[in-house]
PDB file of all heavy atoms in Angstrom:
ATOM      1  N   LEU A   1       0.819  -1.209   0.000  1.00  0.00           N
ATOM      2  CA  LEU A   1       0.000   0.000   0.000  1.00  0.00           C
ATOM      3  C   LEU A   1       0.856   1.265   0.000  1.00  0.00           C
ATOM      4  O   LEU A   1       0.548   2.231  -0.711  1.00  0.00           O
ATOM      5  CB  LEU A   1      -0.944  -0.009   1.202  1.00  0.00           C
ATOM      6  CG  LEU A   1      -2.031  -1.089   1.153  1.00  0.00           C
ATOM      7  CD1 LEU A   1      -2.652  -1.272   2.525  1.00  0.00           C
ATOM      8  CD2 LEU A   1      -3.076  -0.758   0.103  1.00  0.00           C
ATOM      9  N   LYS A   2       1.927   1.265   0.771  1.00  0.00           N
ATOM     10  CA  LYS A   2       2.827   2.424   0.801  1.00  0.00           C
ATOM     11  C   LYS A   2       3.395   2.694  -0.588  1.00  0.00           C
ATOM     12  O   LYS A   2       3.459   3.848  -1.032  1.00  0.00           O
ATOM     13  CB  LYS A   2       3.957   2.198   1.805  1.00  0.00           C
ATOM     14  CG  LYS A   2       3.521   2.252   3.244  1.00  0.00           C
ATOM     15  CD  LYS A   2       4.673   1.882   4.177  1.00  0.00           C
ATOM     16  CE  LYS A   2       4.252   1.842   5.619  1.00  0.00           C
ATOM     17  NZ  LYS A   2       5.362   1.509   6.531  1.00  0.00           N
ATOM     18  N   LYS A   3       3.806   1.626  -1.269  1.00  0.00           N
ATOM     19  CA  LYS A   3       4.367   1.772  -2.620  1.00  0.00           C
ATOM     20  C   LYS A   3       3.320   2.330  -3.581  1.00  0.00           C
ATOM     21  O   LYS A   3       3.594   3.262  -4.344  1.00  0.00           O
ATOM     22  CB  LYS A   3       4.875   0.420  -3.114  1.00  0.00           C
ATOM     23  CG  LYS A   3       5.530   0.464  -4.474  1.00  0.00           C
ATOM     24  CD  LYS A   3       6.118  -0.894  -4.835  1.00  0.00           C
ATOM     25  CE  LYS A   3       6.964  -0.798  -6.071  1.00  0.00           C
ATOM     26  NZ  LYS A   3       6.325  -1.263  -7.264  1.00  0.00           N
ATOM     27  N   ALA A   4       2.119   1.782  -3.528  1.00  0.00           N
ATOM     28  CA  ALA A   4       1.046   2.253  -4.411  1.00  0.00           C
ATOM     29  C   ALA A   4       0.712   3.720  -4.136  1.00  0.00           C
ATOM     30  O   ALA A   4       0.525   4.509  -5.072  1.00  0.00           O
ATOM     31  CB  ALA A   4      -0.199   1.377  -4.235  1.00  0.00           C
ATOM     32  N   LEU A   5       0.644   4.096  -2.868  1.00  0.00           N
ATOM     33  CA  LEU A   5       0.334   5.482  -2.516  1.00  0.00           C
ATOM     34  C   LEU A   5       1.445   6.429  -2.939  1.00  0.00           C
ATOM     35  O   LEU A   5       1.180   7.562  -3.352  1.00  0.00           O
ATOM     36  CB  LEU A   5       0.076   5.600  -1.013  1.00  0.00           C
ATOM     37  CG  LEU A   5      -1.245   4.985  -0.545  1.00  0.00           C
ATOM     38  CD1 LEU A   5      -1.233   4.796   0.966  1.00  0.00           C
ATOM     39  CD2 LEU A   5      -2.425   5.842  -0.978  1.00  0.00           C
ATOM     40  N   ASP A   6       2.684   5.973  -2.868  1.00  0.00           N
ATOM     41  CA  ASP A   6       3.807   6.802  -3.291  1.00  0.00           C
ATOM     42  C   ASP A   6       3.814   6.987  -4.806  1.00  0.00           C
ATOM     43  O   ASP A   6       4.103   8.076  -5.303  1.00  0.00           O
ATOM     44  CB  ASP A   6       5.129   6.177  -2.824  1.00  0.00           C
ATOM     45  CG  ASP A   6       6.310   7.081  -3.089  1.00  0.00           C
ATOM     46  OD1 ASP A   6       6.291   8.236  -2.614  1.00  0.00           O
ATOM     47  OD2 ASP A   6       7.246   6.635  -3.785  1.00  0.00           O
ATOM     48  N   GLU A   7       3.463   5.917  -5.522  1.00  0.00           N
ATOM     49  CA  GLU A   7       3.489   5.968  -6.985  1.00  0.00           C
ATOM     50  C   GLU A   7       2.273   6.675  -7.571  1.00  0.00           C
ATOM     51  O   GLU A   7       2.357   7.287  -8.633  1.00  0.00           O
ATOM     52  CB  GLU A   7       3.590   4.553  -7.561  1.00  0.00           C
ATOM     53  CG  GLU A   7       4.916   3.889  -7.291  1.00  0.00           C
ATOM     54  CD  GLU A   7       4.960   2.428  -7.723  1.00  0.00           C
ATOM     55  OE1 GLU A   7       3.908   1.851  -8.086  1.00  0.00           O
ATOM     56  OE2 GLU A   7       6.070   1.858  -7.685  1.00  0.00           O
ATOM     57  N   ARG A   8       1.120   6.563  -6.887  1.00  0.00           N
ATOM     58  CA  ARG A   8      -0.127   7.121  -7.427  1.00  0.00           C
ATOM     59  C   ARG A   8      -0.919   7.864  -6.335  1.00  0.00           C
ATOM     60  O   ARG A   8      -2.054   7.507  -6.023  1.00  0.00           O
ATOM     61  CB  ARG A   8      -0.990   6.002  -8.014  1.00  0.00           C
ATOM     62  CG  ARG A   8      -0.330   5.247  -9.143  1.00  0.00           C
ATOM     63  CD  ARG A   8      -1.214   4.209  -9.825  1.00  0.00           C
ATOM     64  NE  ARG A   8      -2.340   3.706  -9.109  1.00  0.00           N
ATOM     65  CZ  ARG A   8      -2.353   2.607  -8.333  1.00  0.00           C
ATOM     66  NH1 ARG A   8      -1.262   1.919  -8.164  1.00  0.00           N
ATOM     67  NH2 ARG A   8      -3.468   2.203  -7.738  1.00  0.00           N
ATOM     68  N   PRO A   9      -0.357   8.906  -5.741  1.00  0.00           N
ATOM     69  CA  PRO A   9      -1.037   9.588  -4.640  1.00  0.00           C
ATOM     70  C   PRO A   9      -2.392  10.177  -5.027  1.00  0.00           C
ATOM     71  O   PRO A   9      -3.275  10.307  -4.178  1.00  0.00           O
ATOM     72  CB  PRO A   9      -0.055  10.681  -4.220  1.00  0.00           C
ATOM     73  CG  PRO A   9       0.815  10.892  -5.411  1.00  0.00           C
ATOM     74  CD  PRO A   9       0.903   9.557  -6.094  1.00  0.00           C
ATOM     75  N   GLU A  10      -2.563  10.492  -6.296  1.00  0.00           N
ATOM     76  CA  GLU A  10      -3.849  11.036  -6.735  1.00  0.00           C
ATOM     77  C   GLU A  10      -4.975  10.003  -6.644  1.00  0.00           C
ATOM     78  O   GLU A  10      -6.154  10.360  -6.608  1.00  0.00           O
ATOM     79  CB  GLU A  10      -3.745  11.595  -8.166  1.00  0.00           C
ATOM     80  CG  GLU A  10      -3.516  10.548  -9.241  1.00  0.00           C
ATOM     81  CD  GLU A  10      -2.070  10.064  -9.388  1.00  0.00           C
ATOM     82  OE1 GLU A  10      -1.178  10.482  -8.620  1.00  0.00           O
ATOM     83  OE2 GLU A  10      -1.834   9.238 -10.291  1.00  0.00           O
ATOM     84  N   ASP A  11      -4.616   8.724  -6.567  1.00  0.00           N
ATOM     85  CA  ASP A  11      -5.595   7.636  -6.460  1.00  0.00           C
ATOM     86  C   ASP A  11      -5.737   7.130  -5.028  1.00  0.00           C
ATOM     87  O   ASP A  11      -6.183   6.004  -4.801  1.00  0.00           O
ATOM     88  CB  ASP A  11      -5.180   6.467  -7.360  1.00  0.00           C
ATOM     89  CG  ASP A  11      -5.179   6.831  -8.834  1.00  0.00           C
ATOM     90  OD1 ASP A  11      -5.986   7.698  -9.237  1.00  0.00           O
ATOM     91  OD2 ASP A  11      -4.351   6.261  -9.581  1.00  0.00           O
ATOM     92  N   PHE A  12      -5.360   7.942  -4.029  1.00  0.00           N
ATOM     93  CA  PHE A  12      -5.308   7.464  -2.652  1.00  0.00           C
ATOM     94  C   PHE A  12      -6.629   6.880  -2.169  1.00  0.00           C
ATOM     95  O   PHE A  12      -6.639   5.888  -1.454  1.00  0.00           O
ATOM     96  CB  PHE A  12      -4.798   8.553  -1.694  1.00  0.00           C
ATOM     97  CG  PHE A  12      -5.760   9.658  -1.397  1.00  0.00           C
ATOM     98  CD1 PHE A  12      -6.624   9.574  -0.311  1.00  0.00           C
ATOM     99  CD2 PHE A  12      -5.787  10.801  -2.187  1.00  0.00           C
ATOM    100  CE1 PHE A  12      -7.503  10.605  -0.024  1.00  0.00           C
ATOM    101  CE2 PHE A  12      -6.659  11.838  -1.902  1.00  0.00           C
ATOM    102  CZ  PHE A  12      -7.532  11.743  -0.828  1.00  0.00           C
ATOM    103  N   GLU A  13      -7.754   7.472  -2.555  1.00  0.00           N
ATOM    104  CA  GLU A  13      -9.042   6.963  -2.066  1.00  0.00           C
ATOM    105  C   GLU A  13      -9.305   5.544  -2.558  1.00  0.00           C
ATOM    106  O   GLU A  13      -9.777   4.703  -1.811  1.00  0.00           O
ATOM    107  CB  GLU A  13     -10.170   7.917  -2.457  1.00  0.00           C
ATOM    108  CG  GLU A  13     -10.095   9.224  -1.689  1.00  0.00           C
ATOM    109  CD  GLU A  13     -11.087  10.256  -2.173  1.00  0.00           C
ATOM    110  OE1 GLU A  13     -11.315  10.362  -3.393  1.00  0.00           O
ATOM    111  OE2 GLU A  13     -11.635  10.965  -1.306  1.00  0.00           O
ATOM    112  N   GLN A  14      -8.997   5.291  -3.816  1.00  0.00           N
ATOM    113  CA  GLN A  14      -9.178   3.955  -4.381  1.00  0.00           C
ATOM    114  C   GLN A  14      -8.180   2.967  -3.768  1.00  0.00           C
ATOM    115  O   GLN A  14      -8.538   1.837  -3.428  1.00  0.00           O
ATOM    116  CB  GLN A  14      -9.014   3.999  -5.892  1.00  0.00           C
ATOM    117  CG  GLN A  14      -9.142   2.641  -6.552  1.00  0.00           C
ATOM    118  CD  GLN A  14      -8.868   2.709  -8.040  1.00  0.00           C
ATOM    119  OE1 GLN A  14      -8.671   3.784  -8.617  1.00  0.00           O
ATOM    120  NE2 GLN A  14      -8.827   1.556  -8.670  1.00  0.00           N
ATOM    121  N   ILE A  15      -6.940   3.381  -3.604  1.00  0.00           N
ATOM    122  CA  ILE A  15      -5.891   2.503  -3.086  1.00  0.00           C
ATOM    123  C   ILE A  15      -6.215   2.046  -1.666  1.00  0.00           C
ATOM    124  O   ILE A  15      -6.059   0.869  -1.340  1.00  0.00           O
ATOM    125  CB  ILE A  15      -4.516   3.213  -3.143  1.00  0.00           C
ATOM    126  CG1 ILE A  15      -4.087   3.387  -4.599  1.00  0.00           C
ATOM    127  CG2 ILE A  15      -3.469   2.434  -2.348  1.00  0.00           C
ATOM    128  CD1 ILE A  15      -2.916   4.334  -4.801  1.00  0.00           C
ATOM    129  N   ILE A  16      -6.686   2.949  -0.803  1.00  0.00           N
ATOM    130  CA  ILE A  16      -6.930   2.552   0.588  1.00  0.00           C
ATOM    131  C   ILE A  16      -8.149   1.647   0.731  1.00  0.00           C
ATOM    132  O   ILE A  16      -8.319   0.997   1.757  1.00  0.00           O
ATOM    133  CB  ILE A  16      -7.008   3.758   1.552  1.00  0.00           C
ATOM    134  CG1 ILE A  16      -8.243   4.620   1.304  1.00  0.00           C
ATOM    135  CG2 ILE A  16      -5.721   4.557   1.500  1.00  0.00           C
ATOM    136  CD1 ILE A  16      -8.464   5.709   2.344  1.00  0.00           C
ATOM    137  N   GLU A  17      -8.990   1.575  -0.287  1.00  0.00           N
ATOM    138  CA  GLU A  17     -10.128   0.655  -0.240  1.00  0.00           C
ATOM    139  C   GLU A  17      -9.731  -0.764  -0.627  1.00  0.00           C
ATOM    140  O   GLU A  17     -10.418  -1.714  -0.292  1.00  0.00           O
ATOM    141  CB  GLU A  17     -11.256   1.137  -1.154  1.00  0.00           C
ATOM    142  CG  GLU A  17     -11.991   2.345  -0.654  1.00  0.00           C
ATOM    143  CD  GLU A  17     -12.689   2.163   0.682  1.00  0.00           C
ATOM    144  OE1 GLU A  17     -12.950   1.020   1.115  1.00  0.00           O
ATOM    145  OE2 GLU A  17     -12.965   3.193   1.319  1.00  0.00           O
ATOM    146  N   ASP A  18      -8.615  -0.920  -1.304  1.00  0.00           N
ATOM    147  CA  ASP A  18      -8.189  -2.206  -1.854  1.00  0.00           C
ATOM    148  C   ASP A  18      -7.341  -2.989  -0.860  1.00  0.00           C
ATOM    149  O   ASP A  18      -6.203  -3.341  -1.142  1.00  0.00           O
ATOM    150  CB  ASP A  18      -7.418  -1.965  -3.152  1.00  0.00           C
ATOM    151  CG  ASP A  18      -7.038  -3.247  -3.860  1.00  0.00           C
ATOM    152  OD1 ASP A  18      -7.742  -4.263  -3.683  1.00  0.00           O
ATOM    153  OD2 ASP A  18      -6.019  -3.245  -4.581  1.00  0.00           O
ATOM    154  N   THR A  19      -7.904  -3.250   0.323  1.00  0.00           N
ATOM    155  CA  THR A  19      -7.170  -3.963   1.369  1.00  0.00           C
ATOM    156  C   THR A  19      -8.132  -4.435   2.446  1.00  0.00           C
ATOM    157  O   THR A  19      -9.240  -3.905   2.573  1.00  0.00           O
ATOM    158  CB  THR A  19      -6.084  -3.057   1.998  1.00  0.00           C
ATOM    159  OG1 THR A  19      -5.348  -3.809   2.964  1.00  0.00           O
ATOM    160  CG2 THR A  19      -6.677  -1.832   2.650  1.00  0.00           C
ATOM    161  N   ASP A  20      -7.687  -5.404   3.232  1.00  0.00           N
ATOM    162  CA  ASP A  20      -8.465  -5.841   4.394  1.00  0.00           C
ATOM    163  C   ASP A  20      -8.177  -4.983   5.620  1.00  0.00           C
ATOM    164  O   ASP A  20      -8.853  -5.100   6.632  1.00  0.00           O
ATOM    165  CB  ASP A  20      -8.148  -7.303   4.731  1.00  0.00           C
ATOM    166  CG  ASP A  20      -8.689  -8.260   3.678  1.00  0.00           C
ATOM    167  OD1 ASP A  20      -9.683  -7.909   3.006  1.00  0.00           O
ATOM    168  OD2 ASP A  20      -8.116  -9.349   3.525  1.00  0.00           O
ATOM    169  N   LEU A  21      -7.155  -4.135   5.545  1.00  0.00           N
ATOM    170  CA  LEU A  21      -6.798  -3.281   6.674  1.00  0.00           C
ATOM    171  C   LEU A  21      -7.763  -2.103   6.782  1.00  0.00           C
ATOM    172  O   LEU A  21      -8.346  -1.671   5.794  1.00  0.00           O
ATOM    173  CB  LEU A  21      -5.381  -2.742   6.506  1.00  0.00           C
ATOM    174  CG  LEU A  21      -4.259  -3.770   6.457  1.00  0.00           C
ATOM    175  CD1 LEU A  21      -2.930  -3.086   6.153  1.00  0.00           C
ATOM    176  CD2 LEU A  21      -4.182  -4.546   7.746  1.00  0.00           C
ATOM    177  N   ALA A  22      -7.892  -1.581   7.981  1.00  0.00           N
ATOM    178  CA  ALA A  22      -8.583  -0.310   8.187  1.00  0.00           C
ATOM    179  C   ALA A  22      -7.527   0.780   8.021  1.00  0.00           C
ATOM    180  O   ALA A  22      -6.410   0.635   8.509  1.00  0.00           O
ATOM    181  CB  ALA A  22      -9.198  -0.266   9.580  1.00  0.00           C
ATOM    182  N   ILE A  23      -7.872   1.850   7.322  1.00  0.00           N
ATOM    183  CA  ILE A  23      -6.898   2.900   7.055  1.00  0.00           C
ATOM    184  C   ILE A  23      -7.537   4.268   7.284  1.00  0.00           C
ATOM    185  O   ILE A  23      -8.671   4.513   6.873  1.00  0.00           O
ATOM    186  CB  ILE A  23      -6.377   2.834   5.606  1.00  0.00           C
ATOM    187  CG1 ILE A  23      -5.698   1.492   5.348  1.00  0.00           C
ATOM    188  CG2 ILE A  23      -5.410   3.985   5.316  1.00  0.00           C
ATOM    189  CD1 ILE A  23      -5.265   1.279   3.922  1.00  0.00           C
ATOM    190  N   CYS A  24      -6.749   5.125   7.941  1.00  0.00           N
ATOM    191  CA  CYS A  24      -7.146   6.530   8.030  1.00  0.00           C
ATOM    192  C   CYS A  24      -5.976   7.390   7.606  1.00  0.00           C
ATOM    193  O   CYS A  24      -4.810   7.006   7.743  1.00  0.00           O
ATOM    194  CB  CYS A  24      -7.625   6.895   9.433  1.00  0.00           C
ATOM    195  SG  CYS A  24      -6.334   6.961  10.684  1.00  0.00           S
ATOM    196  N   ILE A  25      -6.310   8.557   7.061  1.00  0.00           N
ATOM    197  CA  ILE A  25      -5.307   9.537   6.676  1.00  0.00           C
ATOM    198  C   ILE A  25      -5.638  10.815   7.428  1.00  0.00           C
ATOM    199  O   ILE A  25      -6.775  11.294   7.398  1.00  0.00           O
ATOM    200  CB  ILE A  25      -5.314   9.774   5.151  1.00  0.00           C
ATOM    201  CG1 ILE A  25      -5.015   8.460   4.407  1.00  0.00           C
ATOM    202  CG2 ILE A  25      -4.301  10.859   4.773  1.00  0.00           C
ATOM    203  CD1 ILE A  25      -5.106   8.554   2.896  1.00  0.00           C
ATOM    204  N   THR A  26      -4.620  11.337   8.122  1.00  0.00           N
ATOM    205  CA  THR A  26      -4.791  12.570   8.885  1.00  0.00           C
ATOM    206  C   THR A  26      -3.818  13.630   8.380  1.00  0.00           C
ATOM    207  O   THR A  26      -2.753  13.310   7.865  1.00  0.00           O
ATOM    208  CB  THR A  26      -4.575  12.329  10.393  1.00  0.00           C
ATOM    209  OG1 THR A  26      -3.325  11.648  10.592  1.00  0.00           O
ATOM    210  CG2 THR A  26      -5.698  11.487  10.987  1.00  0.00           C
ATOM    211  N   ASN A  27      -4.208  14.886   8.582  1.00  0.00           N
ATOM    212  CA  ASN A  27      -3.365  15.990   8.139  1.00  0.00           C
ATOM    213  C   ASN A  27      -2.498  16.504   9.283  1.00  0.00           C
ATOM    214  O   ASN A  27      -2.494  15.916  10.374  1.00  0.00           O
ATOM    215  CB  ASN A  27      -4.211  17.106   7.517  1.00  0.00           C
ATOM    216  CG  ASN A  27      -5.197  17.720   8.495  1.00  0.00           C
ATOM    217  OD1 ASN A  27      -5.085  17.581   9.715  1.00  0.00           O
ATOM    218  ND2 ASN A  27      -6.179  18.422   7.953  1.00  0.00           N
ATOM    219  N   GLU A  28      -1.806  17.588   9.055  1.00  0.00           N
ATOM    220  CA  GLU A  28      -0.908  18.142  10.077  1.00  0.00           C
ATOM    221  C   GLU A  28      -1.648  18.545  11.347  1.00  0.00           C
ATOM    222  O   GLU A  28      -1.077  18.529  12.429  1.00  0.00           O
ATOM    223  CB  GLU A  28      -0.173  19.369   9.532  1.00  0.00           C
ATOM    224  CG  GLU A  28       0.985  19.027   8.634  1.00  0.00           C
ATOM    225  CD  GLU A  28       1.755  20.259   8.226  1.00  0.00           C
ATOM    226  OE1 GLU A  28       1.155  21.147   7.582  1.00  0.00           O
ATOM    227  OE2 GLU A  28       2.954  20.331   8.562  1.00  0.00           O
ATOM    228  N   GLU A  29      -2.904  18.908  11.208  1.00  0.00           N
ATOM    229  CA  GLU A  29      -3.711  19.302  12.366  1.00  0.00           C
ATOM    230  C   GLU A  29      -4.342  18.093  13.053  1.00  0.00           C
ATOM    231  O   GLU A  29      -5.188  18.250  13.929  1.00  0.00           O
ATOM    232  CB  GLU A  29      -4.804  20.281  11.949  1.00  0.00           C
ATOM    233  CG  GLU A  29      -4.282  21.646  11.519  1.00  0.00           C
ATOM    234  CD  GLU A  29      -3.756  21.652  10.086  1.00  0.00           C
ATOM    235  OE1 GLU A  29      -4.330  20.952   9.229  1.00  0.00           O
ATOM    236  OE2 GLU A  29      -2.757  22.341   9.828  1.00  0.00           O
ATOM    237  N   ALA A  30      -3.953  16.888  12.630  1.00  0.00           N
ATOM    238  CA  ALA A  30      -4.439  15.628  13.203  1.00  0.00           C
ATOM    239  C   ALA A  30      -5.915  15.389  12.917  1.00  0.00           C
ATOM    240  O   ALA A  30      -6.594  14.665  13.634  1.00  0.00           O
ATOM    241  CB  ALA A  30      -4.156  15.556  14.707  1.00  0.00           C
ATOM    242  N   LYS A  31      -6.407  15.973  11.838  1.00  0.00           N
ATOM    243  CA  LYS A  31      -7.805  15.782  11.449  1.00  0.00           C
ATOM    244  C   LYS A  31      -7.897  14.749  10.335  1.00  0.00           C
ATOM    245  O   LYS A  31      -7.047  14.697   9.441  1.00  0.00           O
ATOM    246  CB  LYS A  31      -8.420  17.105  11.002  1.00  0.00           C
ATOM    247  CG  LYS A  31      -8.537  18.081  12.155  1.00  0.00           C
ATOM    248  CD  LYS A  31      -9.209  19.354  11.737  1.00  0.00           C
ATOM    249  CE  LYS A  31      -9.331  20.273  12.959  1.00  0.00           C
ATOM    250  NZ  LYS A  31      -9.935  21.539  12.609  1.00  0.00           N
ATOM    251  N   PHE A  32      -8.956  13.945  10.414  1.00  0.00           N
ATOM    252  CA  PHE A  32      -9.185  12.946   9.373  1.00  0.00           C
ATOM    253  C   PHE A  32      -9.411  13.626   8.023  1.00  0.00           C
ATOM    254  O   PHE A  32     -10.242  14.523   7.900  1.00  0.00           O
ATOM    255  CB  PHE A  32     -10.430  12.103   9.692  1.00  0.00           C
ATOM    256  CG  PHE A  32     -10.277  11.163  10.851  1.00  0.00           C
ATOM    257  CD1 PHE A  32     -10.950  11.407  12.045  1.00  0.00           C
ATOM    258  CD2 PHE A  32      -9.499  10.019  10.755  1.00  0.00           C
ATOM    259  CE1 PHE A  32     -10.851  10.532  13.115  1.00  0.00           C
ATOM    260  CE2 PHE A  32      -9.382   9.136  11.831  1.00  0.00           C
ATOM    261  CZ  PHE A  32     -10.062   9.395  13.008  1.00  0.00           C
ATOM    262  N   VAL A  33      -8.689  13.141   7.024  1.00  0.00           N
ATOM    263  CA  VAL A  33      -8.856  13.577   5.648  1.00  0.00           C
ATOM    264  C   VAL A  33      -9.564  12.485   4.856  1.00  0.00           C
ATOM    265  O   VAL A  33     -10.360  12.761   3.964  1.00  0.00           O
ATOM    266  CB  VAL A  33      -7.476  13.898   5.020  1.00  0.00           C
ATOM    267  CG1 VAL A  33      -7.580  14.166   3.537  1.00  0.00           C
ATOM    268  CG2 VAL A  33      -6.840  15.060   5.749  1.00  0.00           C
ATOM    269  N   ALA A  34      -9.261  11.229   5.203  1.00  0.00           N
ATOM    270  CA  ALA A  34      -9.871  10.080   4.525  1.00  0.00           C
ATOM    271  C   ALA A  34      -9.860   8.885   5.462  1.00  0.00           C
ATOM    272  O   ALA A  34      -8.968   8.748   6.302  1.00  0.00           O
ATOM    273  CB  ALA A  34      -9.113   9.748   3.234  1.00  0.00           C
ATOM    274  N   VAL A  35     -10.864   8.038   5.290  1.00  0.00           N
ATOM    275  CA  VAL A  35     -10.941   6.746   5.976  1.00  0.00           C
ATOM    276  C   VAL A  35     -11.516   5.757   4.977  1.00  0.00           C
ATOM    277  O   VAL A  35     -12.310   6.132   4.116  1.00  0.00           O
ATOM    278  CB  VAL A  35     -11.826   6.798   7.257  1.00  0.00           C
ATOM    279  CG1 VAL A  35     -11.206   7.677   8.327  1.00  0.00           C
ATOM    280  CG2 VAL A  35     -13.232   7.272   6.939  1.00  0.00           C
ATOM    281  N   ASN A  36     -11.091   4.506   5.077  1.00  0.00           N
ATOM    282  CA  ASN A  36     -11.667   3.523   4.166  1.00  0.00           C
ATOM    283  C   ASN A  36     -12.875   2.845   4.810  1.00  0.00           C
ATOM    284  O   ASN A  36     -13.192   3.076   5.986  1.00  0.00           O
ATOM    285  CB  ASN A  36     -10.610   2.528   3.668  1.00  0.00           C
ATOM    286  CG  ASN A  36     -10.117   1.557   4.724  1.00  0.00           C
ATOM    287  OD1 ASN A  36     -10.473   1.627   5.894  1.00  0.00           O
ATOM    288  ND2 ASN A  36      -9.258   0.631   4.297  1.00  0.00           N
ATOM    289  N   ASN A  37     -13.556   2.024   4.027  1.00  0.00           N
ATOM    290  CA  ASN A  37     -14.767   1.348   4.517  1.00  0.00           C
ATOM    291  C   ASN A  37     -14.487   0.459   5.718  1.00  0.00           C
ATOM    292  O   ASN A  37     -15.311   0.372   6.628  1.00  0.00           O
ATOM    293  CB  ASN A  37     -15.428   0.543   3.401  1.00  0.00           C
ATOM    294  CG  ASN A  37     -16.115   1.429   2.385  1.00  0.00           C
ATOM    295  OD1 ASN A  37     -16.537   2.544   2.691  1.00  0.00           O
ATOM    296  ND2 ASN A  37     -16.214   0.955   1.159  1.00  0.00           N
ATOM    297  N   ASN A  38     -13.329  -0.204   5.729  1.00  0.00           N
ATOM    298  CA  ASN A  38     -12.994  -1.059   6.876  1.00  0.00           C
ATOM    299  C   ASN A  38     -12.847  -0.223   8.150  1.00  0.00           C
ATOM    300  O   ASN A  38     -13.239  -0.655   9.224  1.00  0.00           O
ATOM    301  CB  ASN A  38     -11.716  -1.856   6.618  1.00  0.00           C
ATOM    302  CG  ASN A  38     -11.927  -2.941   5.598  1.00  0.00           C
ATOM    303  OD1 ASN A  38     -13.000  -3.503   5.489  1.00  0.00           O
ATOM    304  ND2 ASN A  38     -10.902  -3.227   4.827  1.00  0.00           N
ATOM    305  N   TYR A  39     -12.293   0.959   8.018  1.00  0.00           N
ATOM    306  CA  TYR A  39     -12.149   1.833   9.178  1.00  0.00           C
ATOM    307  C   TYR A  39     -13.524   2.203   9.725  1.00  0.00           C
ATOM    308  O   TYR A  39     -13.759   2.131  10.933  1.00  0.00           O
ATOM    309  CB  TYR A  39     -11.359   3.091   8.788  1.00  0.00           C
ATOM    310  CG  TYR A  39     -10.807   3.854   9.967  1.00  0.00           C
ATOM    311  CD1 TYR A  39      -9.531   3.586  10.446  1.00  0.00           C
ATOM    312  CD2 TYR A  39     -11.548   4.855  10.601  1.00  0.00           C
ATOM    313  CE1 TYR A  39      -8.999   4.289  11.522  1.00  0.00           C
ATOM    314  CE2 TYR A  39     -11.029   5.554  11.674  1.00  0.00           C
ATOM    315  CZ  TYR A  39      -9.769   5.274  12.137  1.00  0.00           C
ATOM    316  OH  TYR A  39      -9.257   5.955  13.207  1.00  0.00           O
ATOM    317  N   THR A  40     -14.433   2.589   8.853  1.00  0.00           N
ATOM    318  CA  THR A  40     -15.773   2.972   9.323  1.00  0.00           C
ATOM    319  C   THR A  40     -16.504   1.773   9.919  1.00  0.00           C
ATOM    320  O   THR A  40     -17.246   1.924  10.879  1.00  0.00           O
ATOM    321  CB  THR A  40     -16.613   3.603   8.194  1.00  0.00           C
ATOM    322  OG1 THR A  40     -16.799   2.664   7.141  1.00  0.00           O
ATOM    323  CG2 THR A  40     -15.966   4.866   7.664  1.00  0.00           C
ATOM    324  N   LYS A  41     -16.266   0.608   9.358  1.00  0.00           N
ATOM    325  CA  LYS A  41     -16.915  -0.605   9.886  1.00  0.00           C
ATOM    326  C   LYS A  41     -16.448  -0.898  11.312  1.00  0.00           C
ATOM    327  O   LYS A  41     -17.267  -1.085  12.210  1.00  0.00           O
ATOM    328  CB  LYS A  41     -16.601  -1.800   8.977  1.00  0.00           C
ATOM    329  CG  LYS A  41     -17.199  -3.115   9.464  1.00  0.00           C
ATOM    330  CD  LYS A  41     -16.845  -4.247   8.523  1.00  0.00           C
ATOM    331  CE  LYS A  41     -15.752  -5.063   9.146  1.00  0.00           C
ATOM    332  NZ  LYS A  41     -15.326  -6.218   8.376  1.00  0.00           N
TER     333      LYS A  41
END
């Protein structure tokens, strides 16, 4: 996932959905920018 996100950061929303892991992305202010379906589940 790290490699995919580094190579295609513009596709981050799609990339984080393609896994069994729960994933969240936070910004410098520690606020959620994105979460995948597993995270919400």
